[in-house]
Amino acid sequence: MYNGPLDIRYGDVYVALGNFDGVHLGHQKLITEMVKKARASQGTAVVATFHPHPLRLIRPEAAPKLITPMDVKAGLLGRLGVDIVLILPFNPDLAKLSPEEFVQQVLHQDLRAELVLVGFNYSFGRGGKGTPELLWELGHRLGVRVRVIDAVTIAGEPVSSTAVRAALEKGDIERAADLLGYMPILRGPVVPGDQRGRNIGFRTANIELPPEQYLPARGVYAAWVRSVSLSEGILAVVNIGVKPTFGTGLAETVEAHLIDFEGDLYGQTLTLHLLRRMRPEMRFQSPEQLVEQIHRDLQDTRHFFHAQQEHIFANRIIEI
């Protein structure tokens, strides 16, 4: 967590400032530019981000769930060459800073920033009243250079975290991947479940996700799964939903059946790279009908993967 100034031994500090939820193509453009400038000056490339999301404190009812919780976000940022991921605790003390106080205390005094890069729609300071234009003006007074990065667009639409969530809400994994630049990721430890999969002949790994994780539309997904013991990865069928065949009022879960895998995964952390939504969640009249459908899901997932394998692995499945 952020506790004040960086150690004096660091060279000139170059800062990418933002929430960076999803680390999508727009974020990547900004952060890559910051890293390039830091390297050219033998400086330190810093991403300064916030936890929790500012809206959790300011307007909890409007706070979005996260495409990338902090551990996934940090892994994605590390791939971009960032030296330090600085987590600024968004608490009442930070929230009450005016734009002028934020720039003076955090960026100039504590971080001693040489250059700050932000997105075109970035807001900061008490009430979100600070704009990129104001940031440039305040930075100019203090000798802090500011650069504002324009939006990245795809088919005329700006890439944004909101657009990614909209694609995931529809189960449109391909669209989400186009915006993110990689296949959407879910990550969590394997925990005991209700054993229903084992009872019908299909063992599943029950994945415990952070409560703030944004989930795509309920349904059955093809996924590529990695863990420490599955370093090469393995194809899986993932169910996201409430298992309506077995009753009502059940909690939403994420369960992965690893195809052609035998072994104990309890306690391991699995990284799920979602590839495609194969079908929506369905209620079956009996467990036997569900089993028949699972066989079809496995066959469909294998066919899809073998047909699309080259495209899937062309920079879309990334290691973090």
Protein backbone atom coordinates (compact mmCIF):
# COMPACT_ATOMS: atom_id res chain seq x y z
CA MET A 1 0.00 0.00 0.00
CA TYR A 2 1.00 3.62 -0.54
CA ASN A 3 2.62 5.11 2.55
CA GLY A 4 4.30 8.25 1.31
CA PRO A 5 7.35 9.15 -0.77
CA LEU A 6 9.19 6.66 -2.89
CA ASP A 7 12.69 5.69 -1.80
CA ILE A 8 15.19 8.36 -2.82
CA ARG A 9 17.33 5.82 -4.70
CA TYR A 10 14.80 5.66 -7.54
CA GLY A 11 15.62 7.63 -10.65
CA ASP A 12 13.29 10.11 -12.30
CA VAL A 13 9.74 8.91 -11.71
CA TYR A 14 7.37 8.54 -14.64
CA VAL A 15 3.78 7.92 -13.60
CA ALA A 16 0.76 6.45 -15.37
CA LEU A 17 -2.21 7.49 -13.25
CA GLY A 18 -5.63 5.83 -13.32
CA ASN A 19 -7.86 2.96 -12.22
CA PHE A 20 -6.88 0.81 -15.22
CA ASP A 21 -9.64 -1.74 -14.66
CA GLY A 22 -9.22 -4.39 -17.35
CA VAL A 23 -5.86 -3.02 -18.53
CA HIS A 24 -7.51 -2.80 -21.96
CA LEU A 25 -5.98 -1.53 -25.20
CA GLY A 26 -6.45 2.12 -24.22
CA HIS A 27 -4.70 1.54 -20.91
CA GLN A 28 -1.96 -0.41 -22.65
CA LYS A 29 -1.28 2.48 -25.03
CA LEU A 30 -0.92 4.91 -22.12
CA ILE A 31 1.24 2.63 -19.99
CA THR A 32 3.47 1.54 -22.87
CA GLU A 33 4.12 5.19 -23.70
CA MET A 34 5.02 5.89 -20.05
CA VAL A 35 7.39 2.91 -19.89
CA LYS A 36 9.07 3.94 -23.14
CA LYS A 37 9.72 7.46 -21.83
CA ALA A 38 11.00 6.13 -18.51
CA ARG A 39 13.41 3.77 -20.27
CA ALA A 40 14.69 6.52 -22.56
CA SER A 41 15.62 8.59 -19.49
CA GLN A 42 16.76 5.68 -17.31
CA GLY A 43 13.91 6.56 -14.99
CA THR A 44 11.42 4.51 -12.98
CA ALA A 45 8.14 3.44 -14.61
CA VAL A 46 5.36 3.66 -12.02
CA VAL A 47 1.67 2.87 -12.33
CA ALA A 48 -0.28 4.63 -9.59
CA THR A 49 -3.72 3.11 -9.18
CA PHE A 50 -6.39 3.05 -6.50
CA HIS A 51 -7.91 0.48 -4.16
CA PRO A 52 -10.76 0.19 -3.60
CA HIS A 53 -12.34 1.72 -6.69
CA PRO A 54 -13.09 5.38 -5.78
CA LEU A 55 -16.82 4.90 -6.32
CA ARG A 56 -16.84 2.29 -3.52
CA LEU A 57 -16.32 5.19 -1.14
CA ILE A 58 -18.00 8.06 -2.97
CA ARG A 59 -21.11 6.35 -4.39
CA PRO A 60 -21.18 2.69 -3.36
CA GLU A 61 -24.43 2.03 -5.22
CA ALA A 62 -22.76 3.04 -8.51
CA ALA A 63 -19.45 1.24 -7.96
CA PRO A 64 -18.76 -1.29 -10.72
CA LYS A 65 -17.52 -4.80 -10.14
CA LEU A 66 -14.00 -5.24 -11.47
CA ILE A 67 -12.90 -6.84 -14.72
CA THR A 68 -9.47 -7.30 -13.15
CA PRO A 69 -9.15 -7.53 -9.37
CA MET A 70 -5.81 -6.27 -8.06
CA ASP A 71 -3.77 -9.48 -8.39
CA VAL A 72 -4.76 -9.94 -12.04
CA LYS A 73 -4.28 -6.23 -12.75
CA ALA A 74 -0.78 -6.29 -11.25
CA GLY A 75 0.17 -9.28 -13.41
CA LEU A 76 -1.06 -7.55 -16.56
CA LEU A 77 0.80 -4.36 -15.69
CA GLY A 78 4.00 -6.29 -15.05
CA ARG A 79 3.87 -7.68 -18.58
CA LEU A 80 4.01 -4.12 -19.91
CA GLY A 81 7.40 -3.45 -18.30
CA VAL A 82 6.20 -1.46 -15.29
CA ASP A 83 8.78 -1.22 -12.49
CA ILE A 84 6.39 -0.40 -9.64
CA VAL A 85 2.65 -0.81 -9.18
CA LEU A 86 1.78 1.72 -6.50
CA ILE A 87 -1.58 1.10 -4.84
CA LEU A 88 -3.01 4.31 -3.44
CA PRO A 89 -5.52 3.46 -0.68
CA PHE A 90 -8.66 5.36 -1.61
CA ASN A 91 -9.80 6.41 1.84
CA PRO A 92 -11.60 9.51 3.19
CA ASP A 93 -8.31 11.38 3.58
CA LEU A 94 -7.40 10.89 -0.08
CA ALA A 95 -10.98 11.50 -1.26
CA LYS A 96 -11.16 14.91 0.39
CA LEU A 97 -8.04 16.29 -1.31
CA SER A 98 -8.85 19.03 -3.80
CA PRO A 99 -7.34 18.71 -7.29
CA GLU A 100 -4.68 21.24 -6.29
CA GLU A 101 -3.86 19.34 -3.07
CA PHE A 102 -3.74 16.00 -4.91
CA VAL A 103 -1.21 17.28 -7.44
CA GLN A 104 0.85 19.11 -4.82
CA GLN A 105 0.91 16.40 -2.14
CA VAL A 106 0.70 13.11 -4.05
CA LEU A 107 2.24 13.72 -7.46
CA HIS A 108 4.77 16.46 -6.68
CA GLN A 109 5.72 16.06 -3.02
CA ASP A 110 5.36 12.33 -2.41
CA LEU A 111 5.97 10.74 -5.81
CA ARG A 112 8.28 13.47 -7.09
CA ALA A 113 6.93 12.76 -10.56
CA GLU A 114 8.92 13.92 -13.56
CA LEU A 115 6.11 13.11 -15.99
CA VAL A 116 2.48 12.06 -15.44
CA LEU A 117 0.41 10.41 -18.16
CA VAL A 118 -3.38 10.17 -17.95
CA GLY A 119 -6.24 9.26 -20.26
CA PHE A 120 -8.33 11.83 -22.08
CA ASN A 121 -11.28 11.42 -19.69
CA TYR A 122 -9.38 11.17 -16.41
CA SER A 123 -10.82 12.94 -13.36
CA PHE A 124 -9.23 13.44 -9.96
CA GLY A 125 -9.49 15.33 -6.70
CA ARG A 126 -12.46 15.94 -4.41
CA GLY A 127 -15.69 15.25 -6.25
CA GLY A 128 -13.77 14.24 -9.38
CA LYS A 129 -13.54 17.93 -10.33
CA GLY A 130 -10.02 17.73 -11.72
CA THR A 131 -9.71 17.41 -15.50
CA PRO A 132 -6.71 16.58 -17.70
CA GLU A 133 -6.52 20.27 -18.65
CA LEU A 134 -6.39 21.29 -14.98
CA LEU A 135 -3.80 18.60 -14.29
CA TRP A 136 -1.60 20.04 -17.04
CA GLU A 137 -1.98 23.56 -15.63
CA LEU A 138 -1.23 22.53 -12.04
CA GLY A 139 1.68 20.37 -13.11
CA HIS A 140 3.14 23.21 -15.18
CA ARG A 141 3.23 25.43 -12.07
CA LEU A 142 5.12 22.77 -10.11
CA GLY A 143 7.48 21.57 -12.82
CA VAL A 144 5.63 18.29 -13.35
CA ARG A 145 5.16 17.49 -17.01
CA VAL A 146 1.76 16.08 -18.01
CA ARG A 147 0.78 14.19 -21.13
CA VAL A 148 -2.81 13.29 -22.02
CA ILE A 149 -3.35 10.16 -24.14
CA ASP A 150 -6.22 10.08 -26.63
CA ALA A 151 -8.76 7.26 -26.75
CA VAL A 152 -8.10 4.07 -28.69
CA THR A 153 -11.05 3.26 -30.93
CA ILE A 154 -12.25 0.07 -32.59
CA ALA A 155 -14.81 0.45 -35.38
CA GLY A 156 -15.38 4.01 -34.22
CA GLU A 157 -16.09 3.05 -30.59
CA PRO A 158 -13.71 4.20 -27.85
CA VAL A 159 -12.17 1.32 -25.92
CA SER A 160 -13.25 1.58 -22.29
CA SER A 161 -13.82 -0.53 -19.22
CA THR A 162 -17.55 0.18 -19.61
CA ALA A 163 -17.49 -1.23 -23.15
CA VAL A 164 -15.69 -4.36 -21.92
CA ARG A 165 -18.31 -4.92 -19.22
CA ALA A 166 -21.08 -4.46 -21.79
CA ALA A 167 -19.54 -7.17 -23.97
CA LEU A 168 -19.12 -9.53 -21.02
CA GLU A 169 -22.70 -8.90 -19.91
CA LYS A 170 -23.81 -10.31 -23.27
CA GLY A 171 -21.38 -13.22 -23.04
CA ASP A 172 -19.59 -11.81 -26.09
CA ILE A 173 -16.11 -13.03 -25.25
CA GLU A 174 -14.72 -12.30 -28.71
CA ARG A 175 -15.77 -8.65 -28.49
CA ALA A 176 -14.37 -8.33 -24.98
CA ALA A 177 -11.07 -9.85 -26.17
CA ASP A 178 -10.91 -7.36 -29.06
CA LEU A 179 -11.20 -4.50 -26.56
CA LEU A 180 -8.86 -6.00 -23.98
CA GLY A 181 -6.23 -7.33 -26.38
CA TYR A 182 -6.35 -10.69 -24.58
CA MET A 183 -8.88 -13.33 -23.60
CA PRO A 184 -10.81 -12.34 -20.42
CA ILE A 185 -9.35 -13.79 -17.24
CA LEU A 186 -10.89 -15.21 -14.07
CA ARG A 187 -8.57 -16.33 -11.27
CA GLY A 188 -9.09 -17.93 -7.89
CA PRO A 189 -8.32 -20.91 -5.66
CA VAL A 190 -10.08 -24.26 -5.97
CA VAL A 191 -12.34 -24.81 -2.97
CA PRO A 192 -14.73 -27.61 -1.96
CA GLY A 193 -18.09 -27.47 -3.72
CA ASP A 194 -21.31 -29.43 -3.47
CA GLN A 195 -19.88 -32.48 -5.32
CA ARG A 196 -22.78 -32.56 -7.80
CA GLY A 197 -20.41 -32.80 -10.76
CA ARG A 198 -18.67 -35.82 -9.28
CA ASN A 199 -22.01 -37.45 -8.54
CA ILE A 200 -23.05 -37.29 -12.22
CA GLY A 201 -19.66 -38.37 -13.54
CA PHE A 202 -18.07 -35.01 -14.35
CA ARG A 203 -15.68 -33.72 -11.71
CA THR A 204 -15.41 -29.96 -11.57
CA ALA A 205 -13.08 -27.52 -9.86
CA ASN A 206 -15.08 -24.97 -7.89
CA ILE A 207 -13.32 -21.60 -8.26
CA GLU A 208 -13.58 -19.04 -5.47
CA LEU A 209 -13.43 -15.58 -7.00
CA PRO A 210 -13.03 -12.23 -5.23
CA PRO A 211 -16.43 -10.74 -4.35
CA GLU A 212 -15.66 -7.69 -6.49
CA GLN A 213 -15.08 -9.79 -9.65
CA TYR A 214 -17.28 -8.91 -12.63
CA LEU A 215 -18.69 -12.09 -14.14
CA PRO A 216 -19.83 -12.52 -17.73
CA ALA A 217 -23.33 -13.70 -18.64
CA ARG A 218 -24.37 -17.01 -17.12
CA GLY A 219 -23.72 -19.99 -19.31
CA VAL A 220 -21.21 -22.58 -20.46
CA TYR A 221 -17.84 -21.39 -21.69
CA ALA A 222 -14.81 -22.88 -23.38
CA ALA A 223 -11.69 -21.90 -21.44
CA TRP A 224 -7.97 -22.47 -21.30
CA VAL A 225 -6.85 -23.17 -17.73
CA ARG A 226 -3.44 -22.70 -16.13
CA SER A 227 -2.01 -23.25 -12.68
CA VAL A 228 1.38 -24.03 -11.16
CA SER A 229 0.81 -27.73 -11.88
CA LEU A 230 -0.77 -27.02 -15.29
CA SER A 231 1.96 -24.77 -16.66
CA GLU A 232 1.24 -25.84 -20.23
CA GLY A 233 -2.48 -25.29 -19.79
CA ILE A 234 -5.46 -27.51 -20.46
CA LEU A 235 -8.81 -27.11 -22.22
CA ALA A 236 -11.86 -26.86 -19.98
CA VAL A 237 -15.60 -26.40 -20.00
CA VAL A 238 -16.61 -23.74 -17.47
CA ASN A 239 -20.09 -23.24 -16.06
CA ILE A 240 -21.01 -19.82 -14.67
CA GLY A 241 -24.40 -19.79 -13.02
CA VAL A 242 -26.76 -21.10 -10.37
CA LYS A 243 -27.32 -24.70 -11.59
CA PRO A 244 -31.11 -24.35 -12.04
CA THR A 245 -31.53 -28.09 -12.70
CA PHE A 246 -30.85 -28.71 -9.01
CA GLY A 247 -33.26 -26.19 -7.53
CA THR A 248 -33.83 -22.49 -6.97
CA GLY A 249 -32.06 -19.95 -4.81
CA LEU A 250 -28.63 -21.52 -5.26
CA ALA A 251 -25.58 -19.27 -5.14
CA GLU A 252 -23.85 -18.33 -8.37
CA THR A 253 -20.70 -20.37 -8.88
CA VAL A 254 -17.86 -20.78 -11.35
CA GLU A 255 -16.96 -24.43 -11.99
CA ALA A 256 -14.44 -25.82 -14.44
CA HIS A 257 -14.36 -29.35 -15.85
CA LEU A 258 -10.82 -29.90 -17.12
CA ILE A 259 -11.03 -32.11 -20.18
CA ASP A 260 -9.06 -35.37 -19.99
CA PHE A 261 -7.56 -34.41 -16.63
CA GLU A 262 -7.26 -36.56 -13.53
CA GLY A 263 -5.80 -35.11 -10.37
CA ASP A 264 -6.36 -33.13 -7.19
CA LEU A 265 -6.53 -29.35 -7.62
CA TYR A 266 -7.79 -28.36 -4.17
CA GLY A 267 -5.95 -25.34 -2.84
CA GLN A 268 -4.37 -24.50 -6.17
CA THR A 269 -5.05 -21.17 -7.84
CA LEU A 270 -6.44 -21.58 -11.35
CA THR A 271 -6.28 -18.92 -14.06
CA LEU A 272 -9.17 -19.27 -16.51
CA HIS A 273 -8.79 -17.66 -19.93
CA LEU A 274 -12.32 -17.54 -21.33
CA LEU A 275 -12.44 -18.38 -25.04
CA ARG A 276 -16.11 -18.41 -26.05
CA ARG A 277 -19.59 -18.71 -24.58
CA MET A 278 -20.81 -22.02 -25.95
CA ARG A 279 -24.42 -21.72 -24.76
CA PRO A 280 -26.58 -19.94 -22.16
CA GLU A 281 -27.44 -21.48 -18.82
CA MET A 282 -30.33 -23.96 -19.10
CA ARG A 283 -32.64 -25.84 -16.76
CA PHE A 284 -33.07 -29.56 -17.50
CA GLN A 285 -35.90 -31.82 -16.43
CA SER A 286 -33.55 -34.38 -14.93
CA PRO A 287 -29.86 -34.92 -14.14
CA GLU A 288 -29.81 -37.47 -16.99
CA GLN A 289 -30.73 -34.78 -19.51
CA LEU A 290 -28.03 -32.57 -18.04
CA VAL A 291 -25.45 -35.34 -18.50
CA GLU A 292 -26.44 -35.71 -22.15
CA GLN A 293 -26.00 -31.97 -22.66
CA ILE A 294 -22.60 -32.00 -20.92
CA HIS A 295 -21.41 -34.64 -23.39
CA ARG A 296 -22.50 -32.33 -26.20
CA ASP A 297 -20.77 -29.38 -24.51
CA LEU A 298 -17.52 -31.32 -24.33
CA GLN A 299 -17.74 -32.30 -27.98
CA ASP A 300 -18.63 -28.77 -29.08
CA THR A 301 -15.77 -27.30 -27.01
CA ARG A 302 -13.23 -29.70 -28.51
CA HIS A 303 -14.40 -28.94 -32.05
CA PHE A 304 -14.33 -25.19 -31.44
CA PHE A 305 -10.86 -25.29 -29.90
CA HIS A 306 -9.27 -27.38 -32.62
CA ALA A 307 -10.79 -25.16 -35.31
CA GLN A 308 -9.71 -21.91 -33.61
CA GLN A 309 -6.52 -22.95 -31.82
CA GLU A 310 -4.10 -20.94 -33.94
CA HIS A 311 -6.18 -17.77 -33.60
CA ILE A 312 -6.67 -18.28 -29.85
CA PHE A 313 -2.96 -18.55 -29.13
CA ALA A 314 -1.97 -15.64 -31.40
CA ASN A 315 -1.28 -13.22 -28.52
CA ARG A 316 -4.76 -13.73 -27.05
CA ILE A 317 -3.85 -16.09 -24.21
CA ILE A 318 -1.23 -14.37 -22.08
CA GLU A 319 0.76 -15.52 -19.06
CA ILE A 320 0.52 -13.38 -15.94
